[in-house]
Amino acid sequence: MKLYLDEDLSPQIARRLREAGVDAVSAHETGNVQLSDREQLRHAAAEGRALVTRNIRHFVVLARDAIARQEPHAGIVLCSPSLQGFEIARIAAALGRVVRRHPAGLGPFDVLYL
C-alpha cells in the first residue's frame, strides 16, 4: 500500500514511514498544502495512494460522494481523534501496521479507521 498524508499530518510521519520501508509522501512534500479536500483525494487517487487524514468529518462526506459519483480512489485512512497530531511515532507505527495488513492496498472505495 502506498500512502499520501493530508496536510493536517506532519511530514515527519511520512519520513518515518519511508525509513521503515513504506512508500509514503506528504502533502507538504509535494507542495499540495493549499489544495481542497476533494483535490487532495483526487491527487492521492491519481498517484494510486491511500489518503491518510485526521479530517474525519470532511473525508467521510467525500467518501460517500465518491461512491455516489462512481469516482474511485485508492482508499482513505481516517486517523482516530485519540491519535494527537504531535504523536508522530505512534501515528507512524499505526500506519505501518495498516500497510502490513493491506500490502496490496485498499479497495477503490474503502475507508479504514485507524
PDB file of N, CA and C in Angstrom:
ATOM      1  N   MET A   1       0.843  -1.174   0.000  1.00  0.00           N
ATOM      2  CA  MET A   1       0.000   0.000   0.000  1.00  0.00           C
ATOM      3  C   MET A   1       0.890   1.239   0.000  1.00  0.00           C
ATOM      4  N   LYS A   2       0.540   2.184  -0.842  1.00  0.00           N
ATOM      5  CA  LYS A   2       1.230   3.475  -0.873  1.00  0.00           C
ATOM      6  C   LYS A   2       0.344   4.496  -0.169  1.00  0.00           C
ATOM      7  N   LEU A   3       0.979   5.401   0.580  1.00  0.00           N
ATOM      8  CA  LEU A   3       0.228   6.373   1.373  1.00  0.00           C
ATOM      9  C   LEU A   3       0.520   7.806   0.949  1.00  0.00           C
ATOM     10  N   TYR A   4      -0.513   8.643   1.065  1.00  0.00           N
ATOM     11  CA  TYR A   4      -0.407  10.077   0.854  1.00  0.00           C
ATOM     12  C   TYR A   4      -1.000  10.745   2.081  1.00  0.00           C
ATOM     13  N   LEU A   5      -0.183  11.467   2.831  1.00  0.00           N
ATOM     14  CA  LEU A   5      -0.643  12.097   4.064  1.00  0.00           C
ATOM     15  C   LEU A   5      -1.177  13.495   3.786  1.00  0.00           C
ATOM     16  N   ASP A   6      -2.395  13.726   4.216  1.00  0.00           N
ATOM     17  CA  ASP A   6      -3.042  15.023   4.071  1.00  0.00           C
ATOM     18  C   ASP A   6      -2.233  16.080   4.828  1.00  0.00           C
ATOM     19  N   GLU A   7      -2.486  17.318   4.525  1.00  0.00           N
ATOM     20  CA  GLU A   7      -1.717  18.409   5.120  1.00  0.00           C
ATOM     21  C   GLU A   7      -1.925  18.550   6.627  1.00  0.00           C
ATOM     22  N   ASP A   8      -2.950  17.915   7.169  1.00  0.00           N
ATOM     23  CA  ASP A   8      -3.172  18.007   8.615  1.00  0.00           C
ATOM     24  C   ASP A   8      -2.287  17.053   9.415  1.00  0.00           C
ATOM     25  N   LEU A   9      -1.428  16.307   8.723  1.00  0.00           N
ATOM     26  CA  LEU A   9      -0.475  15.414   9.375  1.00  0.00           C
ATOM     27  C   LEU A   9       0.948  15.879   9.084  1.00  0.00           C
ATOM     28  N   SER A  10       1.801  15.712  10.042  1.00  0.00           N
ATOM     29  CA  SER A  10       3.185  16.155   9.915  1.00  0.00           C
ATOM     30  C   SER A  10       3.935  15.372   8.838  1.00  0.00           C
ATOM     31  N   PRO A  11       4.740  16.047   8.035  1.00  0.00           N
ATOM     32  CA  PRO A  11       5.575  15.336   7.056  1.00  0.00           C
ATOM     33  C   PRO A  11       6.598  14.428   7.734  1.00  0.00           C
ATOM     34  N   GLN A  12       6.845  14.646   9.016  1.00  0.00           N
ATOM     35  CA  GLN A  12       7.747  13.760   9.758  1.00  0.00           C
ATOM     36  C   GLN A  12       7.199  12.329   9.803  1.00  0.00           C
ATOM     37  N   ILE A  13       5.888  12.187   9.752  1.00  0.00           N
ATOM     38  CA  ILE A  13       5.288  10.856   9.742  1.00  0.00           C
ATOM     39  C   ILE A  13       5.655  10.136   8.448  1.00  0.00           C
ATOM     40  N   ALA A  14       5.558  10.834   7.325  1.00  0.00           N
ATOM     41  CA  ALA A  14       5.929  10.236   6.038  1.00  0.00           C
ATOM     42  C   ALA A  14       7.401   9.837   6.046  1.00  0.00           C
ATOM     43  N   ARG A  15       8.251  10.676   6.598  1.00  0.00           N
ATOM     44  CA  ARG A  15       9.683  10.343   6.661  1.00  0.00           C
ATOM     45  C   ARG A  15       9.926   9.091   7.504  1.00  0.00           C
ATOM     46  N   ARG A  16       9.267   9.008   8.639  1.00  0.00           N
ATOM     47  CA  ARG A  16       9.425   7.812   9.489  1.00  0.00           C
ATOM     48  C   ARG A  16       8.939   6.558   8.766  1.00  0.00           C
ATOM     49  N   LEU A  17       7.836   6.694   8.055  1.00  0.00           N
ATOM     50  CA  LEU A  17       7.317   5.547   7.317  1.00  0.00           C
ATOM     51  C   LEU A  17       8.294   5.106   6.227  1.00  0.00           C
ATOM     52  N   ARG A  18       8.866   6.056   5.515  1.00  0.00           N
ATOM     53  CA  ARG A  18       9.847   5.705   4.481  1.00  0.00           C
ATOM     54  C   ARG A  18      11.054   5.006   5.092  1.00  0.00           C
ATOM     55  N   GLU A  19      11.497   5.484   6.255  1.00  0.00           N
ATOM     56  CA  GLU A  19      12.616   4.833   6.952  1.00  0.00           C
ATOM     57  C   GLU A  19      12.288   3.383   7.298  1.00  0.00           C
ATOM     58  N   ALA A  20      11.006   3.087   7.472  1.00  0.00           N
ATOM     59  CA  ALA A  20      10.555   1.730   7.783  1.00  0.00           C
ATOM     60  C   ALA A  20      10.222   0.944   6.511  1.00  0.00           C
ATOM     61  N   GLY A  21      10.482   1.530   5.350  1.00  0.00           N
ATOM     62  CA  GLY A  21      10.262   0.828   4.090  1.00  0.00           C
ATOM     63  C   GLY A  21       8.889   1.013   3.466  1.00  0.00           C
ATOM     64  N   VAL A  22       8.095   1.955   3.979  1.00  0.00           N
ATOM     65  CA  VAL A  22       6.752   2.209   3.456  1.00  0.00           C
ATOM     66  C   VAL A  22       6.828   3.337   2.434  1.00  0.00           C
ATOM     67  N   ASP A  23       6.147   3.164   1.316  1.00  0.00           N
ATOM     68  CA  ASP A  23       6.076   4.191   0.275  1.00  0.00           C
ATOM     69  C   ASP A  23       5.055   5.241   0.732  1.00  0.00           C
ATOM     70  N   ALA A  24       5.540   6.339   1.279  1.00  0.00           N
ATOM     71  CA  ALA A  24       4.668   7.377   1.829  1.00  0.00           C
ATOM     72  C   ALA A  24       5.195   8.756   1.466  1.00  0.00           C
ATOM     73  N   VAL A  25       4.273   9.653   1.123  1.00  0.00           N
ATOM     74  CA  VAL A  25       4.605  11.055   0.878  1.00  0.00           C
ATOM     75  C   VAL A  25       3.573  11.916   1.583  1.00  0.00           C
ATOM     76  N   SER A  26       3.940  13.147   1.794  1.00  0.00           N
ATOM     77  CA  SER A  26       3.092  14.104   2.492  1.00  0.00           C
ATOM     78  C   SER A  26       2.673  15.228   1.549  1.00  0.00           C
ATOM     79  N   ALA A  27       1.501  15.773   1.784  1.00  0.00           N
ATOM     80  CA  ALA A  27       1.048  16.937   1.010  1.00  0.00           C
ATOM     81  C   ALA A  27       2.057  18.071   1.122  1.00  0.00           C
ATOM     82  N   HIS A  28       2.721  18.161   2.264  1.00  0.00           N
ATOM     83  CA  HIS A  28       3.737  19.201   2.462  1.00  0.00           C
ATOM     84  C   HIS A  28       4.911  18.981   1.522  1.00  0.00           C
ATOM     85  N   GLU A  29       5.298  17.738   1.333  1.00  0.00           N
ATOM     86  CA  GLU A  29       6.455  17.410   0.491  1.00  0.00           C
ATOM     87  C   GLU A  29       6.164  17.584  -0.991  1.00  0.00           C
ATOM     88  N   THR A  30       4.904  17.422  -1.374  1.00  0.00           N
ATOM     89  CA  THR A  30       4.545  17.534  -2.794  1.00  0.00           C
ATOM     90  C   THR A  30       4.064  18.937  -3.168  1.00  0.00           C
ATOM     91  N   GLY A  31       4.026  19.837  -2.195  1.00  0.00           N
ATOM     92  CA  GLY A  31       3.597  21.210  -2.465  1.00  0.00           C
ATOM     93  C   GLY A  31       2.087  21.347  -2.611  1.00  0.00           C
ATOM     94  N   ASN A  32       1.337  20.418  -2.026  1.00  0.00           N
ATOM     95  CA  ASN A  32      -0.122  20.423  -2.173  1.00  0.00           C
ATOM     96  C   ASN A  32      -0.856  20.942  -0.948  1.00  0.00           C
ATOM     97  N   VAL A  33      -0.222  21.769  -0.169  1.00  0.00           N
ATOM     98  CA  VAL A  33      -0.814  22.207   1.095  1.00  0.00           C
ATOM     99  C   VAL A  33      -2.096  23.005   0.907  1.00  0.00           C
ATOM    100  N   GLN A  34      -2.240  23.731  -0.155  1.00  0.00           N
ATOM    101  CA  GLN A  34      -3.408  24.595  -0.318  1.00  0.00           C
ATOM    102  C   GLN A  34      -4.540  23.964  -1.120  1.00  0.00           C
ATOM    103  N   LEU A  35      -4.422  22.693  -1.492  1.00  0.00           N
ATOM    104  CA  LEU A  35      -5.496  22.043  -2.247  1.00  0.00           C
ATOM    105  C   LEU A  35      -6.719  21.814  -1.358  1.00  0.00           C
ATOM    106  N   SER A  36      -7.888  21.815  -1.986  1.00  0.00           N
ATOM    107  CA  SER A  36      -9.111  21.485  -1.240  1.00  0.00           C
ATOM    108  C   SER A  36      -9.084  20.003  -0.878  1.00  0.00           C
ATOM    109  N   ASP A  37      -9.965  19.608   0.020  1.00  0.00           N
ATOM    110  CA  ASP A  37     -10.033  18.204   0.408  1.00  0.00           C
ATOM    111  C   ASP A  37     -10.327  17.314  -0.800  1.00  0.00           C
ATOM    112  N   ARG A  38     -11.251  17.728  -1.640  1.00  0.00           N
ATOM    113  CA  ARG A  38     -11.586  16.959  -2.842  1.00  0.00           C
ATOM    114  C   ARG A  38     -10.360  16.836  -3.752  1.00  0.00           C
ATOM    115  N   GLU A  39      -9.607  17.929  -3.905  1.00  0.00           N
ATOM    116  CA  GLU A  39      -8.401  17.892  -4.740  1.00  0.00           C
ATOM    117  C   GLU A  39      -7.327  17.000  -4.117  1.00  0.00           C
ATOM    118  N   GLN A  40      -7.231  17.008  -2.786  1.00  0.00           N
ATOM    119  CA  GLN A  40      -6.280  16.119  -2.108  1.00  0.00           C
ATOM    120  C   GLN A  40      -6.620  14.658  -2.422  1.00  0.00           C
ATOM    121  N   LEU A  41      -7.896  14.315  -2.334  1.00  0.00           N
ATOM    122  CA  LEU A  41      -8.325  12.946  -2.604  1.00  0.00           C
ATOM    123  C   LEU A  41      -8.061  12.579  -4.061  1.00  0.00           C
ATOM    124  N   ARG A  42      -8.349  13.483  -4.968  1.00  0.00           N
ATOM    125  CA  ARG A  42      -8.082  13.209  -6.392  1.00  0.00           C
ATOM    126  C   ARG A  42      -6.589  13.037  -6.661  1.00  0.00           C
ATOM    127  N   HIS A  43      -5.767  13.859  -6.023  1.00  0.00           N
ATOM    128  CA  HIS A  43      -4.319  13.729  -6.192  1.00  0.00           C
ATOM    129  C   HIS A  43      -3.858  12.358  -5.702  1.00  0.00           C
ATOM    130  N   ALA A  44      -4.303  11.968  -4.524  1.00  0.00           N
ATOM    131  CA  ALA A  44      -3.919  10.664  -3.973  1.00  0.00           C
ATOM    132  C   ALA A  44      -4.368   9.548  -4.909  1.00  0.00           C
ATOM    133  N   ALA A  45      -5.587   9.636  -5.412  1.00  0.00           N
ATOM    134  CA  ALA A  45      -6.116   8.608  -6.319  1.00  0.00           C
ATOM    135  C   ALA A  45      -5.292   8.532  -7.601  1.00  0.00           C
ATOM    136  N   ALA A  46      -4.931   9.687  -8.155  1.00  0.00           N
ATOM    137  CA  ALA A  46      -4.134   9.708  -9.385  1.00  0.00           C
ATOM    138  C   ALA A  46      -2.771   9.058  -9.180  1.00  0.00           C
ATOM    139  N   GLU A  47      -2.258   9.136  -7.960  1.00  0.00           N
ATOM    140  CA  GLU A  47      -0.962   8.544  -7.630  1.00  0.00           C
ATOM    141  C   GLU A  47      -1.092   7.090  -7.139  1.00  0.00           C
ATOM    142  N   GLY A  48      -2.332   6.602  -7.023  1.00  0.00           N
ATOM    143  CA  GLY A  48      -2.548   5.247  -6.520  1.00  0.00           C
ATOM    144  C   GLY A  48      -2.221   5.111  -5.049  1.00  0.00           C
ATOM    145  N   ARG A  49      -2.423   6.194  -4.301  1.00  0.00           N
ATOM    146  CA  ARG A  49      -2.095   6.216  -2.880  1.00  0.00           C
ATOM    147  C   ARG A  49      -3.352   6.354  -2.031  1.00  0.00           C
ATOM    148  N   ALA A  50      -3.399   5.612  -0.941  1.00  0.00           N
ATOM    149  CA  ALA A  50      -4.470   5.797   0.038  1.00  0.00           C
ATOM    150  C   ALA A  50      -4.209   7.121   0.757  1.00  0.00           C
ATOM    151  N   LEU A  51      -5.238   7.924   0.910  1.00  0.00           N
ATOM    152  CA  LEU A  51      -5.109   9.208   1.589  1.00  0.00           C
ATOM    153  C   LEU A  51      -5.275   8.999   3.088  1.00  0.00           C
ATOM    154  N   VAL A  52      -4.364   9.551   3.863  1.00  0.00           N
ATOM    155  CA  VAL A  52      -4.405   9.458   5.324  1.00  0.00           C
ATOM    156  C   VAL A  52      -4.702  10.854   5.871  1.00  0.00           C
ATOM    157  N   THR A  53      -5.696  10.959   6.736  1.00  0.00           N
ATOM    158  CA  THR A  53      -6.086  12.268   7.254  1.00  0.00           C
ATOM    159  C   THR A  53      -6.643  12.159   8.667  1.00  0.00           C
ATOM    160  N   ARG A  54      -6.604  13.273   9.371  1.00  0.00           N
ATOM    161  CA  ARG A  54      -7.272  13.391  10.671  1.00  0.00           C
ATOM    162  C   ARG A  54      -8.613  14.108  10.498  1.00  0.00           C
ATOM    163  N   ASN A  55      -8.888  14.578   9.294  1.00  0.00           N
ATOM    164  CA  ASN A  55     -10.081  15.359   8.983  1.00  0.00           C
ATOM    165  C   ASN A  55     -11.255  14.408   8.689  1.00  0.00           C
ATOM    166  N   ILE A  56     -11.703  13.719   9.707  1.00  0.00           N
ATOM    167  CA  ILE A  56     -12.720  12.685   9.542  1.00  0.00           C
ATOM    168  C   ILE A  56     -14.012  13.244   8.975  1.00  0.00           C
ATOM    169  N   ARG A  57     -14.482  14.317   9.543  1.00  0.00           N
ATOM    170  CA  ARG A  57     -15.793  14.869   9.154  1.00  0.00           C
ATOM    171  C   ARG A  57     -15.873  15.133   7.660  1.00  0.00           C
ATOM    172  N   HIS A  58     -14.886  15.795   7.081  1.00  0.00           N
ATOM    173  CA  HIS A  58     -14.937  16.131   5.656  1.00  0.00           C
ATOM    174  C   HIS A  58     -14.720  14.919   4.759  1.00  0.00           C
ATOM    175  N   PHE A  59     -13.804  14.030   5.157  1.00  0.00           N
ATOM    176  CA  PHE A  59     -13.484  12.927   4.263  1.00  0.00           C
ATOM    177  C   PHE A  59     -14.518  11.806   4.292  1.00  0.00           C
ATOM    178  N   VAL A  60     -15.299  11.681   5.347  1.00  0.00           N
ATOM    179  CA  VAL A  60     -16.415  10.733   5.329  1.00  0.00           C
ATOM    180  C   VAL A  60     -17.426  11.189   4.285  1.00  0.00           C
ATOM    181  N   VAL A  61     -17.697  12.480   4.237  1.00  0.00           N
ATOM    182  CA  VAL A  61     -18.613  13.027   3.236  1.00  0.00           C
ATOM    183  C   VAL A  61     -18.048  12.824   1.833  1.00  0.00           C
ATOM    184  N   LEU A  62     -16.758  13.088   1.650  1.00  0.00           N
ATOM    185  CA  LEU A  62     -16.142  12.906   0.337  1.00  0.00           C
ATOM    186  C   LEU A  62     -16.155  11.440  -0.091  1.00  0.00           C
ATOM    187  N   ALA A  63     -15.987  10.529   0.841  1.00  0.00           N
ATOM    188  CA  ALA A  63     -16.032   9.101   0.519  1.00  0.00           C
ATOM    189  C   ALA A  63     -17.429   8.715   0.031  1.00  0.00           C
ATOM    190  N   ARG A  64     -18.445   9.189   0.707  1.00  0.00           N
ATOM    191  CA  ARG A  64     -19.823   8.904   0.267  1.00  0.00           C
ATOM    192  C   ARG A  64     -20.088   9.518  -1.105  1.00  0.00           C
ATOM    193  N   ASP A  65     -19.595  10.724  -1.299  1.00  0.00           N
ATOM    194  CA  ASP A  65     -19.770  11.409  -2.581  1.00  0.00           C
ATOM    195  C   ASP A  65     -19.056  10.654  -3.699  1.00  0.00           C
ATOM    196  N   ALA A  66     -17.876  10.132  -3.429  1.00  0.00           N
ATOM    197  CA  ALA A  66     -17.126   9.372  -4.434  1.00  0.00           C
ATOM    198  C   ALA A  66     -17.912   8.137  -4.865  1.00  0.00           C
ATOM    199  N   ILE A  67     -18.558   7.470  -3.915  1.00  0.00           N
ATOM    200  CA  ILE A  67     -19.380   6.303  -4.255  1.00  0.00           C
ATOM    201  C   ILE A  67     -20.557   6.733  -5.121  1.00  0.00           C
ATOM    202  N   ALA A  68     -21.237   7.796  -4.730  1.00  0.00           N
ATOM    203  CA  ALA A  68     -22.394   8.273  -5.492  1.00  0.00           C
ATOM    204  C   ALA A  68     -22.003   8.669  -6.909  1.00  0.00           C
ATOM    205  N   ARG A  69     -20.838   9.268  -7.065  1.00  0.00           N
ATOM    206  CA  ARG A  69     -20.376   9.710  -8.389  1.00  0.00           C
ATOM    207  C   ARG A  69     -19.633   8.618  -9.158  1.00  0.00           C
ATOM    208  N   GLN A  70     -19.414   7.487  -8.480  1.00  0.00           N
ATOM    209  CA  GLN A  70     -18.614   6.402  -9.051  1.00  0.00           C
ATOM    210  C   GLN A  70     -17.228   6.888  -9.455  1.00  0.00           C
ATOM    211  N   GLU A  71     -16.606   7.669  -8.563  1.00  0.00           N
ATOM    212  CA  GLU A  71     -15.245   8.156  -8.720  1.00  0.00           C
ATOM    213  C   GLU A  71     -14.362   7.391  -7.745  1.00  0.00           C
ATOM    214  N   PRO A  72     -13.748   6.303  -8.199  1.00  0.00           N
ATOM    215  CA  PRO A  72     -12.926   5.510  -7.272  1.00  0.00           C
ATOM    216  C   PRO A  72     -11.692   6.265  -6.799  1.00  0.00           C
ATOM    217  N   HIS A  73     -11.234   5.881  -5.643  1.00  0.00           N
ATOM    218  CA  HIS A  73      -9.983   6.400  -5.099  1.00  0.00           C
ATOM    219  C   HIS A  73      -9.179   5.200  -4.629  1.00  0.00           C
ATOM    220  N   ALA A  74      -8.030   5.414  -4.053  1.00  0.00           N
ATOM    221  CA  ALA A  74      -7.177   4.302  -3.611  1.00  0.00           C
ATOM    222  C   ALA A  74      -7.362   4.001  -2.132  1.00  0.00           C
ATOM    223  N   GLY A  75      -8.438   4.487  -1.566  1.00  0.00           N
ATOM    224  CA  GLY A  75      -8.734   4.263  -0.165  1.00  0.00           C
ATOM    225  C   GLY A  75      -8.466   5.498   0.679  1.00  0.00           C
ATOM    226  N   ILE A  76      -9.138   5.552   1.810  1.00  0.00           N
ATOM    227  CA  ILE A  76      -8.981   6.644   2.762  1.00  0.00           C
ATOM    228  C   ILE A  76      -8.747   6.019   4.136  1.00  0.00           C
ATOM    229  N   VAL A  77      -7.706   6.494   4.813  1.00  0.00           N
ATOM    230  CA  VAL A  77      -7.419   6.044   6.169  1.00  0.00           C
ATOM    231  C   VAL A  77      -7.681   7.232   7.090  1.00  0.00           C
ATOM    232  N   LEU A  78      -8.646   7.066   7.975  1.00  0.00           N
ATOM    233  CA  LEU A  78      -9.032   8.136   8.892  1.00  0.00           C
ATOM    234  C   LEU A  78      -8.391   7.892  10.254  1.00  0.00           C
ATOM    235  N   CYS A  79      -7.608   8.855  10.691  1.00  0.00           N
ATOM    236  CA  CYS A  79      -6.942   8.751  11.994  1.00  0.00           C
ATOM    237  C   CYS A  79      -7.926   9.099  13.101  1.00  0.00           C
ATOM    238  N   SER A  80      -7.957   8.273  14.100  1.00  0.00           N
ATOM    239  CA  SER A  80      -8.814   8.482  15.254  1.00  0.00           C
ATOM    240  C   SER A  80      -8.439   9.770  15.975  1.00  0.00           C
ATOM    241  N   PRO A  81      -9.430  10.476  16.505  1.00  0.00           N
ATOM    242  CA  PRO A  81      -9.130  11.657  17.309  1.00  0.00           C
ATOM    243  C   PRO A  81      -8.264  11.332  18.527  1.00  0.00           C
ATOM    244  N   SER A  82      -8.222  10.061  18.920  1.00  0.00           N
ATOM    245  CA  SER A  82      -7.375   9.687  20.053  1.00  0.00           C
ATOM    246  C   SER A  82      -5.889   9.770  19.698  1.00  0.00           C
ATOM    247  N   LEU A  83      -5.583   9.796  18.409  1.00  0.00           N
ATOM    248  CA  LEU A  83      -4.200   9.985  17.960  1.00  0.00           C
ATOM    249  C   LEU A  83      -3.974  11.470  17.740  1.00  0.00           C
ATOM    250  N   GLN A  84      -3.241  12.083  18.631  1.00  0.00           N
ATOM    251  CA  GLN A  84      -2.974  13.511  18.535  1.00  0.00           C
ATOM    252  C   GLN A  84      -1.938  13.777  17.437  1.00  0.00           C
ATOM    253  N   GLY A  85      -2.063  14.901  16.757  1.00  0.00           N
ATOM    254  CA  GLY A  85      -1.170  15.229  15.652  1.00  0.00           C
ATOM    255  C   GLY A  85       0.304  15.233  16.001  1.00  0.00           C
ATOM    256  N   PHE A  86       0.635  15.518  17.254  1.00  0.00           N
ATOM    257  CA  PHE A  86       2.038  15.579  17.669  1.00  0.00           C
ATOM    258  C   PHE A  86       2.607  14.196  17.978  1.00  0.00           C
ATOM    259  N   GLU A  87       1.774  13.173  17.994  1.00  0.00           N
ATOM    260  CA  GLU A  87       2.217  11.811  18.317  1.00  0.00           C
ATOM    261  C   GLU A  87       2.756  11.128  17.053  1.00  0.00           C
ATOM    262  N   ILE A  88       3.835  11.653  16.540  1.00  0.00           N
ATOM    263  CA  ILE A  88       4.382  11.226  15.263  1.00  0.00           C
ATOM    264  C   ILE A  88       4.743   9.749  15.268  1.00  0.00           C
ATOM    265  N   ALA A  89       5.472   9.296  16.257  1.00  0.00           N
ATOM    266  CA  ALA A  89       5.889   7.897  16.298  1.00  0.00           C
ATOM    267  C   ALA A  89       4.680   6.967  16.409  1.00  0.00           C
ATOM    268  N   ARG A  90       3.719   7.333  17.208  1.00  0.00           N
ATOM    269  CA  ARG A  90       2.525   6.499  17.393  1.00  0.00           C
ATOM    270  C   ARG A  90       1.713   6.397  16.109  1.00  0.00           C
ATOM    271  N   ILE A  91       1.530   7.511  15.411  1.00  0.00           N
ATOM    272  CA  ILE A  91       0.785   7.504  14.148  1.00  0.00           C
ATOM    273  C   ILE A  91       1.540   6.705  13.093  1.00  0.00           C
ATOM    274  N   ALA A  92       2.844   6.914  12.996  1.00  0.00           N
ATOM    275  CA  ALA A  92       3.648   6.172  12.020  1.00  0.00           C
ATOM    276  C   ALA A  92       3.577   4.671  12.292  1.00  0.00           C
ATOM    277  N   ALA A  93       3.661   4.273  13.550  1.00  0.00           N
ATOM    278  CA  ALA A  93       3.589   2.847  13.897  1.00  0.00           C
ATOM    279  C   ALA A  93       2.225   2.265  13.522  1.00  0.00           C
ATOM    280  N   ALA A  94       1.158   2.996  13.803  1.00  0.00           N
ATOM    281  CA  ALA A  94      -0.190   2.521  13.470  1.00  0.00           C
ATOM    282  C   ALA A  94      -0.354   2.381  11.957  1.00  0.00           C
ATOM    283  N   LEU A  95       0.154   3.347  11.210  1.00  0.00           N
ATOM    284  CA  LEU A  95       0.075   3.271   9.752  1.00  0.00           C
ATOM    285  C   LEU A  95       0.925   2.128   9.210  1.00  0.00           C
ATOM    286  N   GLY A  96       2.060   1.889   9.827  1.00  0.00           N
ATOM    287  CA  GLY A  96       2.893   0.758   9.424  1.00  0.00           C
ATOM    288  C   GLY A  96       2.144  -0.556   9.576  1.00  0.00           C
ATOM    289  N   ARG A  97       1.388  -0.685  10.653  1.00  0.00           N
ATOM    290  CA  ARG A  97       0.588  -1.902  10.866  1.00  0.00           C
ATOM    291  C   ARG A  97      -0.495  -2.035   9.790  1.00  0.00           C
ATOM    292  N   VAL A  98      -1.107  -0.917   9.430  1.00  0.00           N
ATOM    293  CA  VAL A  98      -2.143  -0.936   8.377  1.00  0.00           C
ATOM    294  C   VAL A  98      -1.534  -1.398   7.055  1.00  0.00           C
ATOM    295  N   VAL A  99      -0.373  -0.875   6.722  1.00  0.00           N
ATOM    296  CA  VAL A  99       0.287  -1.246   5.463  1.00  0.00           C
ATOM    297  C   VAL A  99       0.625  -2.743   5.464  1.00  0.00           C
ATOM    298  N   ARG A 100       1.101  -3.246   6.581  1.00  0.00           N
ATOM    299  CA  ARG A 100       1.426  -4.676   6.653  1.00  0.00           C
ATOM    300  C   ARG A 100       0.176  -5.549   6.514  1.00  0.00           C
ATOM    301  N   ARG A 101      -0.956  -5.079   7.037  1.00  0.00           N
ATOM    302  CA  ARG A 101      -2.206  -5.849   6.926  1.00  0.00           C
ATOM    303  C   ARG A 101      -2.811  -5.780   5.534  1.00  0.00           C
ATOM    304  N   HIS A 102      -2.495  -4.704   4.802  1.00  0.00           N
ATOM    305  CA  HIS A 102      -3.074  -4.481   3.467  1.00  0.00           C
ATOM    306  C   HIS A 102      -1.971  -4.178   2.455  1.00  0.00           C
ATOM    307  N   PRO A 103      -1.051  -5.102   2.231  1.00  0.00           N
ATOM    308  CA  PRO A 103       0.093  -4.794   1.356  1.00  0.00           C
ATOM    309  C   PRO A 103      -0.311  -4.447  -0.078  1.00  0.00           C
ATOM    310  N   ALA A 104      -1.419  -4.997  -0.555  1.00  0.00           N
ATOM    311  CA  ALA A 104      -1.856  -4.703  -1.919  1.00  0.00           C
ATOM    312  C   ALA A 104      -2.675  -3.416  -1.989  1.00  0.00           C
ATOM    313  N   GLY A 105      -2.928  -2.790  -0.860  1.00  0.00           N
ATOM    314  CA  GLY A 105      -3.700  -1.553  -0.837  1.00  0.00           C
ATOM    315  C   GLY A 105      -5.151  -1.797  -0.466  1.00  0.00           C
ATOM    316  N   LEU A 106      -5.884  -0.710  -0.404  1.00  0.00           N
ATOM    317  CA  LEU A 106      -7.312  -0.769  -0.100  1.00  0.00           C
ATOM    318  C   LEU A 106      -8.092  -0.802  -1.407  1.00  0.00           C
ATOM    319  N   GLY A 107      -9.370  -1.123  -1.303  1.00  0.00           N
ATOM    320  CA  GLY A 107     -10.226  -1.130  -2.482  1.00  0.00           C
ATOM    321  C   GLY A 107     -10.539   0.275  -2.949  1.00  0.00           C
ATOM    322  N   PRO A 108     -11.136   0.400  -4.134  1.00  0.00           N
ATOM    323  CA  PRO A 108     -11.354   1.715  -4.759  1.00  0.00           C
ATOM    324  C   PRO A 108     -12.336   2.624  -4.042  1.00  0.00           C
ATOM    325  N   PHE A 109     -13.062   2.108  -3.062  1.00  0.00           N
ATOM    326  CA  PHE A 109     -13.980   2.946  -2.291  1.00  0.00           C
ATOM    327  C   PHE A 109     -13.845   2.692  -0.793  1.00  0.00           C
ATOM    328  N   ASP A 110     -12.778   2.011  -0.376  1.00  0.00           N
ATOM    329  CA  ASP A 110     -12.613   1.641   1.020  1.00  0.00           C
ATOM    330  C   ASP A 110     -12.250   2.824   1.899  1.00  0.00           C
ATOM    331  N   VAL A 111     -12.816   2.814   3.105  1.00  0.00           N
ATOM    332  CA  VAL A 111     -12.471   3.784   4.146  1.00  0.00           C
ATOM    333  C   VAL A 111     -12.110   2.959   5.380  1.00  0.00           C
ATOM    334  N   LEU A 112     -10.959   3.230   5.925  1.00  0.00           N
ATOM    335  CA  LEU A 112     -10.444   2.480   7.076  1.00  0.00           C
ATOM    336  C   LEU A 112     -10.233   3.448   8.223  1.00  0.00           C
ATOM    337  N   TYR A 113     -10.684   3.062   9.411  1.00  0.00           N
ATOM    338  CA  TYR A 113     -10.477   3.876  10.608  1.00  0.00           C
ATOM    339  C   TYR A 113      -9.257   3.358  11.352  1.00  0.00           C
ATOM    340  N   LEU A 114      -8.367   4.265  11.670  1.00  0.00           N
ATOM    341  CA  LEU A 114      -7.123   3.917  12.358  1.00  0.00           C
ATOM    342  C   LEU A 114      -7.297   4.070  13.843  1.00  0.00           C
TER     343      LEU A 114
END
